[in-house]
Protein backbone atom coordinates (compact mmCIF):
# COMPACT_ATOMS: atom_id res chain seq x y z
CA UNK A 1 -6.05 -10.86 11.51
CA UNK A 2 -8.65 -13.28 10.99
CA UNK A 3 -11.61 -10.74 10.58
CA UNK A 4 -9.55 -8.88 8.11
CA UNK A 5 -9.35 -11.92 6.03
CA UNK A 6 -12.71 -12.64 6.38
CA UNK A 7 -13.93 -9.40 5.48
CA UNK A 8 -11.65 -9.60 2.20
CA UNK A 9 -13.31 -12.66 1.49
CA UNK A 10 -16.56 -11.18 1.55
CA UNK A 11 -15.24 -8.05 -0.33
CA UNK A 12 -14.24 -9.96 -3.06
CA UNK A 13 -17.10 -11.92 -3.57
CA UNK A 14 -18.85 -8.53 -3.51
CA UNK A 15 -16.81 -7.32 -6.28
CA UNK A 16 -17.49 -10.15 -8.42
CA UNK A 17 -21.27 -10.20 -7.90
CA UNK A 18 -20.90 -6.28 -8.61
CA UNK A 19 -18.63 -7.46 -11.87
CA UNK A 20 -21.64 -9.85 -13.30
CA UNK A 21 -24.28 -7.17 -12.52
CA UNK A 22 -22.29 -4.49 -14.40
CA UNK A 23 -21.46 -6.64 -16.97
CA UNK A 24 -25.02 -7.61 -17.69
CA UNK A 25 -26.28 -4.00 -17.25
CA UNK A 26 -23.93 -2.61 -19.84
CA UNK A 27 -24.83 -5.39 -22.36
CA UNK A 28 -28.39 -4.64 -21.80
CA UNK A 29 -29.11 -1.15 -21.30
CA UNK A 30 -26.27 1.07 -23.16
CA UNK A 31 -28.16 3.45 -25.43
CA UNK A 32 -25.29 3.68 -28.06
CA UNK A 33 -23.95 0.03 -28.12
CA UNK A 34 -26.74 -2.19 -26.89
CA UNK A 35 -25.34 -5.71 -27.09
CA UNK A 36 -21.59 -4.74 -26.29
CA UNK A 37 -20.15 -5.15 -22.82
CA UNK A 38 -18.26 -2.35 -21.49
CA UNK A 39 -14.85 -4.09 -20.70
CA UNK A 40 -12.89 -1.23 -18.92
CA UNK A 41 -15.42 -1.50 -15.76
CA UNK A 42 -15.71 -5.30 -15.96
CA UNK A 43 -12.02 -5.72 -15.93
CA UNK A 44 -11.43 -3.44 -13.09
CA UNK A 45 -14.10 -4.85 -10.88
CA UNK A 46 -13.20 -8.18 -11.67
CA UNK A 47 -9.22 -7.44 -10.85
CA UNK A 48 -10.54 -5.77 -7.75
CA UNK A 49 -12.09 -9.00 -6.78
CA UNK A 50 -9.06 -10.96 -7.57
CA UNK A 51 -6.98 -8.72 -5.60
CA UNK A 52 -9.39 -9.11 -2.57
CA UNK A 53 -9.30 -12.80 -2.65
CA UNK A 54 -5.09 -12.67 -2.60
CA UNK A 55 -5.25 -10.49 0.23
CA UNK A 56 -7.81 -12.60 1.94
CA UNK A 57 -5.76 -15.78 1.24
CA UNK A 58 -2.48 -14.08 2.47
CA UNK A 59 -3.88 -12.98 5.67
CA UNK A 60 -5.61 -15.99 6.34
CA UNK A 61 -2.14 -17.99 5.73
CA UNK A 62 -0.37 -15.55 7.83
CA UNK A 63 -2.61 -16.23 10.76
CA UNK A 64 -2.48 -19.61 10.55
CA UNK A 65 1.23 -19.62 10.21
CA UNK A 66 1.62 -17.58 13.65
CA UNK A 67 0.14 -20.17 15.60
CA UNK A 68 -2.20 -18.18 17.48
CA UNK A 69 -4.35 -15.02 17.97
CA UNK A 70 -2.96 -11.56 17.60
CA UNK A 71 -3.55 -9.20 20.54
CA UNK A 72 -5.72 -7.17 18.47
CA UNK A 73 -8.23 -10.01 18.06
CA UNK A 74 -8.63 -10.77 21.67
CA UNK A 75 -11.12 -8.37 23.66
CA UNK A 76 -9.26 -8.85 26.88
CA UNK A 77 -5.70 -7.92 25.79
CA UNK A 78 -4.04 -4.97 27.02
CA UNK A 79 -2.39 -2.34 24.85
CA UNK A 80 0.90 -3.39 26.15
CA UNK A 81 0.23 -6.70 24.74
CA UNK A 82 0.33 -5.68 21.23
CA UNK A 83 3.45 -3.16 21.61
CA UNK A 84 6.50 -5.06 20.40
CA UNK A 85 10.00 -3.37 19.27
CA UNK A 86 9.47 -2.58 15.93
CA UNK A 87 12.68 -0.86 14.90
CA UNK A 88 15.18 1.91 15.72
CA UNK A 89 13.82 5.12 14.65
CA UNK A 90 15.72 8.54 14.82
CA UNK A 91 13.42 11.32 15.97
CA UNK A 92 15.88 13.81 15.74
CA UNK A 93 16.94 13.16 12.02
CA UNK A 94 16.51 15.76 9.19
CA UNK A 95 17.54 13.32 6.43
CA UNK A 96 14.15 11.90 6.01
CA UNK A 97 12.81 15.66 5.17
CA UNK A 98 15.72 16.31 2.73
CA UNK A 99 15.24 12.88 0.93
CA UNK A 100 11.53 13.89 0.51
CA UNK A 101 12.40 17.40 -0.66
CA UNK A 102 14.92 15.72 -3.11
CA UNK A 103 12.59 13.04 -4.36
CA UNK A 104 9.91 15.77 -4.71
CA UNK A 105 12.15 18.22 -6.90
CA UNK A 106 13.05 14.81 -9.17
CA UNK A 107 9.42 14.13 -9.86
CA UNK A 108 8.60 17.74 -10.49
CA UNK A 109 11.57 17.86 -12.88
CA UNK A 110 9.89 14.93 -14.66
CA UNK A 111 6.67 16.91 -14.90
CA UNK A 112 7.61 20.37 -15.51
CA UNK A 113 11.24 20.48 -16.78
CA UNK A 114 14.30 18.38 -16.88
CA UNK A 115 16.50 20.81 -15.47
CA UNK A 116 14.76 20.51 -12.07
CA UNK A 117 15.63 16.86 -11.75
CA UNK A 118 19.29 17.70 -12.03
CA UNK A 119 19.02 19.41 -8.77
CA UNK A 120 16.65 16.89 -7.41
CA UNK A 121 18.80 13.77 -8.32
CA UNK A 122 22.14 14.71 -6.35
CA UNK A 123 19.98 15.81 -3.38
CA UNK A 124 18.42 12.60 -2.94
CA UNK A 125 21.56 10.59 -3.29
CA UNK A 126 23.18 13.12 -0.64
CA UNK A 127 20.06 12.43 1.49
CA UNK A 128 20.16 8.56 1.21
CA UNK A 129 23.94 8.47 2.04
CA UNK A 130 23.58 11.04 5.10
CA UNK A 131 20.26 9.04 6.11
CA UNK A 132 22.32 5.46 6.07
CA UNK A 133 25.35 6.82 7.50
CA UNK A 134 23.95 9.14 10.24
CA UNK A 135 25.30 6.67 12.93
CA UNK A 136 28.84 6.55 12.08
CA UNK A 137 29.46 10.10 12.52
CA UNK A 138 29.39 12.74 15.32
CA UNK A 139 27.83 12.23 18.49
CA UNK A 140 25.74 9.10 17.58
CA UNK A 141 28.48 7.11 16.22
CA UNK A 142 28.80 3.54 17.36
């Protein structure tokens, strides 16, 4: 994680340096509007630098708060050292697929015709309910 934070610090400095160079270049060499800065590129690259600094700061604080090195940062670590219990996932569940189809129909309806959303929204709601209550019915009830 320390390496990731350092990379984001470097990336933020790079974006800000390129922002200055881009602003100077657009101010001096734009044929049609010499003497004006092209603000869309300057703001976009400057905000990319800000985002990189935010990520670097967050990763640095997270690294210092955990009180030690991650297994990914230690060269002599085994694969099993970085394999904690992440959560409970259902490999046999069809509800994520149904939810994806419902959301795809919903957003397709927003892009093409609202009538498709009238099919997608109920399918999305049914999929969310089915996925949440999957372990309260049939063979997998707890």
